[in-house]
Protein backbone atom coordinates (compact mmCIF):
# COMPACT_ATOMS: atom_id res chain seq x y z
CA MET A 1 193.84 276.94 -39.92
CA SER A 2 193.59 273.19 -40.46
CA GLU A 3 195.77 270.80 -38.51
CA GLU A 4 198.18 268.55 -40.34
CA ARG A 5 197.58 264.86 -39.68
CA VAL A 6 200.86 263.01 -39.29
CA MET A 7 201.05 259.25 -38.86
CA LEU A 8 204.06 257.58 -37.28
CA CYS A 9 205.07 254.23 -38.76
CA TYR A 10 207.70 251.59 -38.11
CA ARG A 11 210.59 251.21 -40.52
CA VAL A 12 210.53 247.99 -42.55
CA ALA A 13 214.06 247.16 -41.38
CA GLU A 14 213.07 247.38 -37.69
CA PHE A 15 209.64 245.75 -37.43
CA GLU A 16 207.64 242.83 -38.80
CA PRO A 17 203.92 243.75 -38.86
CA THR A 18 201.28 241.49 -37.32
CA MET A 19 198.47 242.80 -39.52
CA GLN A 20 197.92 243.45 -43.20
CA SER A 21 200.23 246.26 -44.23
CA VAL A 22 201.70 247.92 -47.27
CA VAL A 23 205.10 249.47 -47.67
CA ASP A 24 205.23 253.23 -48.09
CA SER A 25 207.99 255.74 -47.44
CA CYS A 26 208.80 258.32 -44.79
CA ALA A 27 208.09 261.86 -46.00
CA THR A 28 211.31 263.13 -44.41
CA CYS A 29 214.04 260.53 -44.98
CA GLY A 30 212.43 258.24 -47.55
CA ALA A 31 212.94 255.07 -45.48
CA ALA A 32 210.59 252.18 -46.25
CA ILE A 33 207.86 252.06 -43.59
CA TRP A 34 204.88 249.82 -42.86
CA LEU A 35 201.41 251.32 -43.21
CA ALA A 36 198.54 249.21 -41.84
CA LEU A 37 195.64 248.82 -44.26
CA SER A 38 193.25 249.91 -41.50
CA SER A 39 195.14 253.17 -40.90
CA PRO A 40 193.17 256.42 -41.11
CA LYS A 41 194.08 259.00 -43.73
CA ALA A 42 197.12 261.12 -42.90
CA ASP A 43 198.68 264.15 -44.59
CA ARG A 44 202.22 262.90 -43.96
CA LEU A 45 203.80 259.59 -43.00
CA LEU A 46 206.90 259.64 -40.83
CA CYS A 47 209.15 256.94 -39.44
CA PHE A 48 209.61 257.06 -35.66
CA PRO A 49 213.21 258.42 -35.74
CA CYS A 50 212.22 261.35 -38.00
CA ALA A 51 209.10 262.04 -35.94
CA GLU A 52 211.17 262.09 -32.76
CA ARG A 53 213.53 264.68 -34.26
CA GLU A 54 210.65 266.82 -35.59
CA MET A 55 208.61 266.66 -32.41
CA ALA A 56 211.59 267.67 -30.24
CA SER A 57 211.18 271.27 -31.41
CA VAL A 58 207.38 271.40 -31.09
CA PRO A 59 205.89 272.52 -27.75
CA LYS A 60 204.04 269.61 -26.13
CA SER A 61 200.92 271.76 -25.82
CA GLU A 62 200.69 271.86 -29.65
CA ILE A 63 200.85 268.08 -30.14
CA LYS A 64 197.48 266.36 -30.37
CA VAL A 65 197.56 262.59 -29.96
CA GLU A 66 194.77 260.54 -31.52
CA LEU A 67 194.12 257.15 -29.97
CA PRO A 68 193.34 254.13 -32.17
CA THR A 69 189.71 253.75 -33.17
CA ASP A 70 187.65 250.77 -32.02
CA GLN A 71 187.95 249.31 -35.53
CA GLN A 72 191.74 249.65 -35.48
CA LEU A 73 191.92 247.96 -32.07
CA ALA A 74 189.68 245.14 -33.34
CA ASP A 75 191.93 244.71 -36.39
CA ILE A 76 195.01 244.53 -34.16
CA LYS A 77 193.42 241.94 -31.85
CA LYS A 78 192.25 239.88 -34.84
CA ALA A 79 195.72 239.93 -36.41
CA MET A 80 197.34 238.84 -33.14
CA MET A 81 195.00 235.82 -32.92
CA GLU A 82 195.89 234.57 -36.41
């Protein structure tokens, strides 16, 4: 069974990105969310409030957290210096 890759994103109304981003929408509520251009591929995009509600019912042992890649960290540092 393959694992679903879910990416959590900030809502446009709540956050101003510091790196190149595009606007997409949350798969659950449809809110406009920021998606960084350097983001890896995900099966679903969720805003943080929807992800918090969904994850509340999932056992913590089933949640796999992926840390940012070196390239993503470099992109973040570069954007913060601009």
